PDB file of N, CA and C in Angstrom:
ATOM      1  N   MET A   1     -50.426 -11.838  18.841  1.00  0.00           N
ATOM      2  CA  MET A   1     -49.435 -12.636  18.146  1.00  0.00           C
ATOM      3  C   MET A   1     -48.177 -11.808  17.839  1.00  0.00           C
ATOM      4  N   ARG A   2     -48.362 -10.569  17.410  1.00  0.00           N
ATOM      5  CA  ARG A   2     -47.208  -9.718  17.093  1.00  0.00           C
ATOM      6  C   ARG A   2     -46.317  -9.499  18.304  1.00  0.00           C
ATOM      7  N   ILE A   3     -46.940  -9.390  19.470  1.00  0.00           N
ATOM      8  CA  ILE A   3     -46.169  -9.169  20.690  1.00  0.00           C
ATOM      9  C   ILE A   3     -45.249 -10.360  20.944  1.00  0.00           C
ATOM     10  N   TYR A   4     -45.753 -11.567  20.742  1.00  0.00           N
ATOM     11  CA  TYR A   4     -44.937 -12.763  20.957  1.00  0.00           C
ATOM     12  C   TYR A   4     -43.775 -12.826  19.967  1.00  0.00           C
ATOM     13  N   VAL A   5     -44.017 -12.437  18.729  1.00  0.00           N
ATOM     14  CA  VAL A   5     -42.961 -12.422  17.719  1.00  0.00           C
ATOM     15  C   VAL A   5     -41.907 -11.389  18.106  1.00  0.00           C
ATOM     16  N   ALA A   6     -42.348 -10.213  18.523  1.00  0.00           N
ATOM     17  CA  ALA A   6     -41.410  -9.163  18.925  1.00  0.00           C
ATOM     18  C   ALA A   6     -40.586  -9.607  20.131  1.00  0.00           C
ATOM     19  N   LEU A   7     -41.216 -10.256  21.099  1.00  0.00           N
ATOM     20  CA  LEU A   7     -40.490 -10.745  22.263  1.00  0.00           C
ATOM     21  C   LEU A   7     -39.497 -11.834  21.887  1.00  0.00           C
ATOM     22  N   ALA A   8     -39.878 -12.697  20.970  1.00  0.00           N
ATOM     23  CA  ALA A   8     -38.986 -13.762  20.519  1.00  0.00           C
ATOM     24  C   ALA A   8     -37.763 -13.177  19.814  1.00  0.00           C
ATOM     25  N   ILE A   9     -37.991 -12.184  18.958  1.00  0.00           N
ATOM     26  CA  ILE A   9     -36.877 -11.539  18.253  1.00  0.00           C
ATOM     27  C   ILE A   9     -35.946 -10.862  19.253  1.00  0.00           C
ATOM     28  N   THR A  10     -36.508 -10.181  20.213  1.00  0.00           N
ATOM     29  CA  THR A  10     -35.712  -9.515  21.238  1.00  0.00           C
ATOM     30  C   THR A  10     -34.880 -10.528  22.020  1.00  0.00           C
ATOM     31  N   ALA A  11     -35.469 -11.659  22.348  1.00  0.00           N
ATOM     32  CA  ALA A  11     -34.744 -12.691  23.089  1.00  0.00           C
ATOM     33  C   ALA A  11     -33.590 -13.257  22.272  1.00  0.00           C
ATOM     34  N   VAL A  12     -33.828 -13.479  20.988  1.00  0.00           N
ATOM     35  CA  VAL A  12     -32.774 -14.019  20.123  1.00  0.00           C
ATOM     36  C   VAL A  12     -31.645 -13.012  19.969  1.00  0.00           C
ATOM     37  N   VAL A  13     -31.987 -11.764  19.710  1.00  0.00           N
ATOM     38  CA  VAL A  13     -30.961 -10.726  19.569  1.00  0.00           C
ATOM     39  C   VAL A  13     -30.201 -10.577  20.875  1.00  0.00           C
ATOM     40  N   GLY A  14     -30.882 -10.592  21.982  1.00  0.00           N
ATOM     41  CA  GLY A  14     -30.231 -10.475  23.282  1.00  0.00           C
ATOM     42  C   GLY A  14     -29.305 -11.635  23.560  1.00  0.00           C
ATOM     43  N   ALA A  15     -29.681 -12.826  23.141  1.00  0.00           N
ATOM     44  CA  ALA A  15     -28.857 -14.009  23.354  1.00  0.00           C
ATOM     45  C   ALA A  15     -27.587 -13.944  22.512  1.00  0.00           C
ATOM     46  N   CYS A  16     -27.670 -13.334  21.351  1.00  0.00           N
ATOM     47  CA  CYS A  16     -26.525 -13.243  20.448  1.00  0.00           C
ATOM     48  C   CYS A  16     -25.660 -12.023  20.719  1.00  0.00           C
ATOM     49  N   ALA A  17     -26.124 -11.134  21.559  1.00  0.00           N
ATOM     50  CA  ALA A  17     -25.400  -9.896  21.827  1.00  0.00           C
ATOM     51  C   ALA A  17     -24.116 -10.193  22.594  1.00  0.00           C
ATOM     52  N   THR A  18     -23.148  -9.301  22.439  1.00  0.00           N
ATOM     53  CA  THR A  18     -21.826  -9.472  23.029  1.00  0.00           C
ATOM     54  C   THR A  18     -21.503  -8.302  23.941  1.00  0.00           C
ATOM     55  N   ASN A  19     -20.814  -8.596  25.029  1.00  0.00           N
ATOM     56  CA  ASN A  19     -20.357  -7.544  25.926  1.00  0.00           C
ATOM     57  C   ASN A  19     -19.366  -6.667  25.151  1.00  0.00           C
ATOM     58  N   PRO A  20     -19.623  -5.375  25.020  1.00  0.00           N
ATOM     59  CA  PRO A  20     -18.750  -4.511  24.215  1.00  0.00           C
ATOM     60  C   PRO A  20     -17.324  -4.420  24.750  1.00  0.00           C
ATOM     61  N   ASP A  21     -17.127  -4.648  26.043  1.00  0.00           N
ATOM     62  CA  ASP A  21     -15.778  -4.585  26.620  1.00  0.00           C
ATOM     63  C   ASP A  21     -14.889  -5.721  26.125  1.00  0.00           C
ATOM     64  N   THR A  22     -15.493  -6.795  25.626  1.00  0.00           N
ATOM     65  CA  THR A  22     -14.710  -7.941  25.154  1.00  0.00           C
ATOM     66  C   THR A  22     -14.427  -7.870  23.654  1.00  0.00           C
ATOM     67  N   ILE A  23     -14.920  -6.830  22.992  1.00  0.00           N
ATOM     68  CA  ILE A  23     -14.727  -6.693  21.542  1.00  0.00           C
ATOM     69  C   ILE A  23     -13.474  -5.866  21.279  1.00  0.00           C
ATOM     70  N   ASP A  24     -12.539  -6.455  20.543  1.00  0.00           N
ATOM     71  CA  ASP A  24     -11.305  -5.744  20.191  1.00  0.00           C
ATOM     72  C   ASP A  24     -11.553  -4.805  19.023  1.00  0.00           C
ATOM     73  N   PRO A  25     -10.833  -3.680  18.989  1.00  0.00           N
ATOM     74  CA  PRO A  25     -10.953  -2.766  17.848  1.00  0.00           C
ATOM     75  C   PRO A  25     -10.422  -3.425  16.574  1.00  0.00           C
ATOM     76  N   ILE A  26     -11.046  -3.119  15.482  1.00  0.00           N
ATOM     77  CA  ILE A  26     -10.577  -3.542  14.163  1.00  0.00           C
ATOM     78  C   ILE A  26      -9.803  -2.363  13.589  1.00  0.00           C
ATOM     79  N   TYR A  27      -8.614  -2.633  13.048  1.00  0.00           N
ATOM     80  CA  TYR A  27      -7.748  -1.561  12.579  1.00  0.00           C
ATOM     81  C   TYR A  27      -8.422  -0.703  11.508  1.00  0.00           C
ATOM     82  N   VAL A  28      -8.358   0.592  11.720  1.00  0.00           N
ATOM     83  CA  VAL A  28      -8.789   1.592  10.747  1.00  0.00           C
ATOM     84  C   VAL A  28      -7.607   2.544  10.584  1.00  0.00           C
ATOM     85  N   SER A  29      -7.190   2.783   9.364  1.00  0.00           N
ATOM     86  CA  SER A  29      -6.042   3.637   9.115  1.00  0.00           C
ATOM     87  C   SER A  29      -6.332   5.083   9.531  1.00  0.00           C
ATOM     88  N   PRO A  30      -5.432   5.681  10.292  1.00  0.00           N
ATOM     89  CA  PRO A  30      -5.610   7.085  10.663  1.00  0.00           C
ATOM     90  C   PRO A  30      -5.695   8.013   9.448  1.00  0.00           C
ATOM     91  N   SER A  31      -5.098   7.602   8.341  1.00  0.00           N
ATOM     92  CA  SER A  31      -5.145   8.445   7.137  1.00  0.00           C
ATOM     93  C   SER A  31      -6.579   8.681   6.670  1.00  0.00           C
ATOM     94  N   THR A  32      -7.487   7.845   7.121  1.00  0.00           N
ATOM     95  CA  THR A  32      -8.908   8.023   6.806  1.00  0.00           C
ATOM     96  C   THR A  32      -9.395   9.393   7.280  1.00  0.00           C
ATOM     97  N   PHE A  33      -8.803   9.898   8.354  1.00  0.00           N
ATOM     98  CA  PHE A  33      -9.274  11.130   8.980  1.00  0.00           C
ATOM     99  C   PHE A  33      -8.295  12.302   8.850  1.00  0.00           C
ATOM    100  N   GLU A  34      -7.201  12.133   8.121  1.00  0.00           N
ATOM    101  CA  GLU A  34      -6.173  13.177   8.010  1.00  0.00           C
ATOM    102  C   GLU A  34      -6.698  14.507   7.491  1.00  0.00           C
ATOM    103  N   HIS A  35      -7.667  14.461   6.611  1.00  0.00           N
ATOM    104  CA  HIS A  35      -8.169  15.678   5.964  1.00  0.00           C
ATOM    105  C   HIS A  35      -9.114  16.492   6.844  1.00  0.00           C
ATOM    106  N   LEU A  36      -9.494  15.957   7.988  1.00  0.00           N
ATOM    107  CA  LEU A  36     -10.469  16.633   8.836  1.00  0.00           C
ATOM    108  C   LEU A  36      -9.828  17.742   9.676  1.00  0.00           C
ATOM    109  N   THR A  37     -10.594  18.794   9.908  1.00  0.00           N
ATOM    110  CA  THR A  37     -10.175  19.843  10.830  1.00  0.00           C
ATOM    111  C   THR A  37     -10.472  19.374  12.255  1.00  0.00           C
ATOM    112  N   CYS A  38      -9.966  20.081  13.246  1.00  0.00           N
ATOM    113  CA  CYS A  38     -10.238  19.718  14.637  1.00  0.00           C
ATOM    114  C   CYS A  38     -11.748  19.717  14.913  1.00  0.00           C
ATOM    115  N   ARG A  39     -12.440  20.681  14.385  1.00  0.00           N
ATOM    116  CA  ARG A  39     -13.895  20.736  14.586  1.00  0.00           C
ATOM    117  C   ARG A  39     -14.569  19.514  13.967  1.00  0.00           C
ATOM    118  N   GLN A  40     -14.146  19.139  12.774  1.00  0.00           N
ATOM    119  CA  GLN A  40     -14.718  17.967  12.108  1.00  0.00           C
ATOM    120  C   GLN A  40     -14.372  16.679  12.857  1.00  0.00           C
ATOM    121  N   ILE A  41     -13.179  16.631  13.437  1.00  0.00           N
ATOM    122  CA  ILE A  41     -12.798  15.468  14.233  1.00  0.00           C
ATOM    123  C   ILE A  41     -13.740  15.333  15.429  1.00  0.00           C
ATOM    124  N   GLY A  42     -14.045  16.447  16.084  1.00  0.00           N
ATOM    125  CA  GLY A  42     -14.987  16.435  17.204  1.00  0.00           C
ATOM    126  C   GLY A  42     -16.371  15.977  16.782  1.00  0.00           C
ATOM    127  N   GLU A  43     -16.816  16.428  15.623  1.00  0.00           N
ATOM    128  CA  GLU A  43     -18.127  16.016  15.111  1.00  0.00           C
ATOM    129  C   GLU A  43     -18.140  14.525  14.772  1.00  0.00           C
ATOM    130  N   GLU A  44     -17.050  14.041  14.201  1.00  0.00           N
ATOM    131  CA  GLU A  44     -16.948  12.622  13.857  1.00  0.00           C
ATOM    132  C   GLU A  44     -16.909  11.766  15.122  1.00  0.00           C
ATOM    133  N   GLN A  45     -16.231  12.248  16.140  1.00  0.00           N
ATOM    134  CA  GLN A  45     -16.202  11.541  17.423  1.00  0.00           C
ATOM    135  C   GLN A  45     -17.625  11.380  17.970  1.00  0.00           C
ATOM    136  N   LYS A  46     -18.404  12.436  17.912  1.00  0.00           N
ATOM    137  CA  LYS A  46     -19.787  12.379  18.402  1.00  0.00           C
ATOM    138  C   LYS A  46     -20.627  11.426  17.565  1.00  0.00           C
ATOM    139  N   ARG A  47     -20.422  11.436  16.234  1.00  0.00           N
ATOM    140  CA  ARG A  47     -21.184  10.551  15.357  1.00  0.00           C
ATOM    141  C   ARG A  47     -20.875   9.084  15.672  1.00  0.00           C
ATOM    142  N   ILE A  48     -19.593   8.781  15.855  1.00  0.00           N
ATOM    143  CA  ILE A  48     -19.202   7.403  16.156  1.00  0.00           C
ATOM    144  C   ILE A  48     -19.773   6.978  17.506  1.00  0.00           C
ATOM    145  N   THR A  49     -19.727   7.862  18.482  1.00  0.00           N
ATOM    146  CA  THR A  49     -20.284   7.563  19.802  1.00  0.00           C
ATOM    147  C   THR A  49     -21.775   7.269  19.709  1.00  0.00           C
ATOM    148  N   ARG A  50     -22.506   8.068  18.925  1.00  0.00           N
ATOM    149  CA  ARG A  50     -23.949   7.823  18.743  1.00  0.00           C
ATOM    150  C   ARG A  50     -24.193   6.486  18.054  1.00  0.00           C
ATOM    151  N   GLU A  51     -23.372   6.183  17.054  1.00  0.00           N
ATOM    152  CA  GLU A  51     -23.537   4.932  16.319  1.00  0.00           C
ATOM    153  C   GLU A  51     -23.254   3.728  17.227  1.00  0.00           C
ATOM    154  N   GLU A  52     -22.253   3.854  18.088  1.00  0.00           N
ATOM    155  CA  GLU A  52     -21.971   2.784  19.056  1.00  0.00           C
ATOM    156  C   GLU A  52     -23.166   2.584  19.982  1.00  0.00           C
ATOM    157  N   ALA A  53     -23.722   3.676  20.468  1.00  0.00           N
ATOM    158  CA  ALA A  53     -24.870   3.601  21.363  1.00  0.00           C
ATOM    159  C   ALA A  53     -26.074   2.968  20.670  1.00  0.00           C
ATOM    160  N   ALA A  54     -26.257   3.267  19.389  1.00  0.00           N
ATOM    161  CA  ALA A  54     -27.374   2.708  18.642  1.00  0.00           C
ATOM    162  C   ALA A  54     -27.204   1.205  18.426  1.00  0.00           C
ATOM    163  N   ASN A  55     -25.985   0.723  18.543  1.00  0.00           N
ATOM    164  CA  ASN A  55     -25.691  -0.691  18.335  1.00  0.00           C
ATOM    165  C   ASN A  55     -25.771  -1.476  19.639  1.00  0.00           C
ATOM    166  N   MET A  56     -26.291  -0.860  20.680  1.00  0.00           N
ATOM    167  CA  MET A  56     -26.371  -1.503  21.986  1.00  0.00           C
ATOM    168  C   MET A  56     -27.816  -1.835  22.331  1.00  0.00           C
ATOM    169  N   GLN A  57     -27.983  -2.951  23.001  1.00  0.00           N
ATOM    170  CA  GLN A  57     -29.296  -3.338  23.485  1.00  0.00           C
ATOM    171  C   GLN A  57     -29.101  -4.031  24.822  1.00  0.00           C
ATOM    172  N   GLY A  58     -29.618  -3.445  25.860  1.00  0.00           N
ATOM    173  CA  GLY A  58     -29.465  -4.026  27.185  1.00  0.00           C
ATOM    174  C   GLY A  58     -28.014  -4.119  27.635  1.00  0.00           C
ATOM    175  N   GLY A  59     -27.200  -3.137  27.240  1.00  0.00           N
ATOM    176  CA  GLY A  59     -25.800  -3.132  27.623  1.00  0.00           C
ATOM    177  C   GLY A  59     -24.921  -4.075  26.821  1.00  0.00           C
ATOM    178  N   LYS A  60     -25.475  -4.680  25.787  1.00  0.00           N
ATOM    179  CA  LYS A  60     -24.727  -5.613  24.937  1.00  0.00           C
ATOM    180  C   LYS A  60     -24.701  -5.103  23.502  1.00  0.00           C
ATOM    181  N   ALA A  61     -23.627  -5.431  22.796  1.00  0.00           N
ATOM    182  CA  ALA A  61     -23.496  -5.045  21.392  1.00  0.00           C
ATOM    183  C   ALA A  61     -24.278  -6.029  20.529  1.00  0.00           C
ATOM    184  N   THR A  62     -25.114  -5.511  19.641  1.00  0.00           N
ATOM    185  CA  THR A  62     -25.894  -6.387  18.770  1.00  0.00           C
ATOM    186  C   THR A  62     -25.120  -6.810  17.539  1.00  0.00           C
ATOM    187  N   ASP A  63     -24.062  -6.086  17.174  1.00  0.00           N
ATOM    188  CA  ASP A  63     -23.240  -6.422  16.013  1.00  0.00           C
ATOM    189  C   ASP A  63     -21.770  -6.223  16.401  1.00  0.00           C
ATOM    190  N   ALA A  64     -21.126  -7.305  16.805  1.00  0.00           N
ATOM    191  CA  ALA A  64     -19.756  -7.228  17.325  1.00  0.00           C
ATOM    192  C   ALA A  64     -18.783  -6.685  16.285  1.00  0.00           C
ATOM    193  N   GLU A  65     -18.928  -7.069  15.031  1.00  0.00           N
ATOM    194  CA  GLU A  65     -18.009  -6.580  13.997  1.00  0.00           C
ATOM    195  C   GLU A  65     -18.139  -5.069  13.821  1.00  0.00           C
ATOM    196  N   GLN A  66     -19.366  -4.574  13.833  1.00  0.00           N
ATOM    197  CA  GLN A  66     -19.588  -3.136  13.694  1.00  0.00           C
ATOM    198  C   GLN A  66     -18.988  -2.386  14.881  1.00  0.00           C
ATOM    199  N   VAL A  67     -19.146  -2.915  16.074  1.00  0.00           N
ATOM    200  CA  VAL A  67     -18.574  -2.275  17.256  1.00  0.00           C
ATOM    201  C   VAL A  67     -17.052  -2.275  17.159  1.00  0.00           C
ATOM    202  N   GLY A  68     -16.452  -3.366  16.680  1.00  0.00           N
ATOM    203  CA  GLY A  68     -15.007  -3.431  16.485  1.00  0.00           C
ATOM    204  C   GLY A  68     -14.524  -2.374  15.510  1.00  0.00           C
ATOM    205  N   LEU A  69     -15.272  -2.186  14.425  1.00  0.00           N
ATOM    206  CA  LEU A  69     -14.909  -1.157  13.442  1.00  0.00           C
ATOM    207  C   LEU A  69     -15.049   0.241  14.031  1.00  0.00           C
ATOM    208  N   LEU A  70     -16.087   0.461  14.797  1.00  0.00           N
ATOM    209  CA  LEU A  70     -16.279   1.769  15.427  1.00  0.00           C
ATOM    210  C   LEU A  70     -15.171   2.059  16.434  1.00  0.00           C
ATOM    211  N   LYS A  71     -14.779   1.043  17.205  1.00  0.00           N
ATOM    212  CA  LYS A  71     -13.676   1.218  18.144  1.00  0.00           C
ATOM    213  C   LYS A  71     -12.377   1.534  17.406  1.00  0.00           C
ATOM    214  N   GLY A  72     -12.139   0.835  16.302  1.00  0.00           N
ATOM    215  CA  GLY A  72     -10.943   1.091  15.509  1.00  0.00           C
ATOM    216  C   GLY A  72     -10.947   2.493  14.922  1.00  0.00           C
ATOM    217  N   ALA A  73     -12.106   2.920  14.451  1.00  0.00           N
ATOM    218  CA  ALA A  73     -12.228   4.271  13.899  1.00  0.00           C
ATOM    219  C   ALA A  73     -11.977   5.314  14.982  1.00  0.00           C
ATOM    220  N   MET A  74     -12.467   5.052  16.175  1.00  0.00           N
ATOM    221  CA  MET A  74     -12.265   6.000  17.272  1.00  0.00           C
ATOM    222  C   MET A  74     -10.787   6.095  17.638  1.00  0.00           C
ATOM    223  N   GLU A  75     -10.072   4.962  17.624  1.00  0.00           N
ATOM    224  CA  GLU A  75      -8.636   4.992  17.909  1.00  0.00           C
ATOM    225  C   GLU A  75      -7.881   5.792  16.850  1.00  0.00           C
ATOM    226  N   ALA A  76      -8.232   5.577  15.585  1.00  0.00           N
ATOM    227  CA  ALA A  76      -7.585   6.306  14.488  1.00  0.00           C
ATOM    228  C   ALA A  76      -7.890   7.796  14.591  1.00  0.00           C
ATOM    229  N   LEU A  77      -9.113   8.119  14.921  1.00  0.00           N
ATOM    230  CA  LEU A  77      -9.530   9.507  15.067  1.00  0.00           C
ATOM    231  C   LEU A  77      -8.767  10.177  16.215  1.00  0.00           C
ATOM    232  N   GLU A  78      -8.599   9.463  17.308  1.00  0.00           N
ATOM    233  CA  GLU A  78      -7.852  10.013  18.436  1.00  0.00           C
ATOM    234  C   GLU A  78      -6.391  10.263  18.046  1.00  0.00           C
ATOM    235  N   GLN A  79      -5.804   9.340  17.307  1.00  0.00           N
ATOM    236  CA  GLN A  79      -4.416   9.507  16.882  1.00  0.00           C
ATOM    237  C   GLN A  79      -4.254  10.760  16.024  1.00  0.00           C
ATOM    238  N   ILE A  80      -5.155  10.974  15.084  1.00  0.00           N
ATOM    239  CA  ILE A  80      -5.094  12.170  14.228  1.00  0.00           C
ATOM    240  C   ILE A  80      -5.329  13.428  15.060  1.00  0.00           C
ATOM    241  N   SER A  81      -6.251  13.343  16.007  1.00  0.00           N
ATOM    242  CA  SER A  81      -6.527  14.483  16.880  1.00  0.00           C
ATOM    243  C   SER A  81      -5.267  14.902  17.639  1.00  0.00           C
ATOM    244  N   ILE A  82      -4.534  13.925  18.145  1.00  0.00           N
ATOM    245  CA  ILE A  82      -3.295  14.216  18.880  1.00  0.00           C
ATOM    246  C   ILE A  82      -2.257  14.814  17.944  1.00  0.00           C
ATOM    247  N   GLU A  83      -2.108  14.213  16.763  1.00  0.00           N
ATOM    248  CA  GLU A  83      -1.121  14.712  15.793  1.00  0.00           C
ATOM    249  C   GLU A  83      -1.401  16.155  15.383  1.00  0.00           C
ATOM    250  N   LYS A  84      -2.675  16.513  15.285  1.00  0.00           N
ATOM    251  CA  LYS A  84      -3.037  17.870  14.862  1.00  0.00           C
ATOM    252  C   LYS A  84      -3.088  18.853  16.028  1.00  0.00           C
ATOM    253  N   GLY A  85      -2.917  18.348  17.251  1.00  0.00           N
ATOM    254  CA  GLY A  85      -2.941  19.226  18.416  1.00  0.00           C
ATOM    255  C   GLY A  85      -4.334  19.702  18.784  1.00  0.00           C
ATOM    256  N   CYS A  86      -5.340  18.934  18.408  1.00  0.00           N
ATOM    257  CA  CYS A  86      -6.720  19.278  18.774  1.00  0.00           C
ATOM    258  C   CYS A  86      -6.892  19.053  20.278  1.00  0.00           C
ATOM    259  N   ASN A  87      -7.669  19.854  20.897  1.00  0.00           N
ATOM    260  CA  ASN A  87      -7.915  19.732  22.333  1.00  0.00           C
ATOM    261  C   ASN A  87      -9.223  18.972  22.534  1.00  0.00           C
ATOM    262  N   ILE A  88      -9.221  17.687  22.142  1.00  0.00           N
ATOM    263  CA  ILE A  88     -10.419  16.863  22.229  1.00  0.00           C
ATOM    264  C   ILE A  88     -10.135  15.726  23.189  1.00  0.00           C
ATOM    265  N   GLU A  89     -11.023  15.556  24.160  1.00  0.00           N
ATOM    266  CA  GLU A  89     -10.868  14.482  25.131  1.00  0.00           C
ATOM    267  C   GLU A  89     -11.627  13.247  24.653  1.00  0.00           C
ATOM    268  N   PHE A  90     -10.935  12.132  24.587  1.00  0.00           N
ATOM    269  CA  PHE A  90     -11.539  10.870  24.191  1.00  0.00           C
ATOM    270  C   PHE A  90     -11.738  10.003  25.427  1.00  0.00           C
ATOM    271  N   GLN A  91     -12.924   9.411  25.559  1.00  0.00           N
ATOM    272  CA  GLN A  91     -13.234   8.525  26.676  1.00  0.00           C
ATOM    273  C   GLN A  91     -12.705   7.134  26.383  1.00  0.00           C
ATOM    274  N   HIS A  92     -12.136   6.500  27.381  1.00  0.00           N
ATOM    275  CA  HIS A  92     -11.638   5.123  27.220  1.00  0.00           C
ATOM    276  C   HIS A  92     -12.310   4.243  28.260  1.00  0.00           C
ATOM    277  N   GLY A  93     -12.752   3.070  27.756  1.00  0.00           N
ATOM    278  CA  GLY A  93     -13.336   2.089  28.660  1.00  0.00           C
ATOM    279  C   GLY A  93     -14.689   2.426  29.001  1.00  0.00           C
TER     280      GLY A  93
END
């Protein structure tokens, strides 16, 4: 019985999941990250990337709003990285 419940939940979550490429970033102020050093910016980039990956199931985003916020945070982080002259490469797309 538990297996059927787990499969049903997976099917529902999968049906509600969204293609991450269609999710627009939600604005996050770059000032959120102004106090970070280049090393901390790199660590934050990795944390956001892991969190995005954890929000994926079968190549789809399980929480579109959270993915939008993460994308917005990544854009703000990249902007601060450029302003500070950090040598950090950000992946796009």
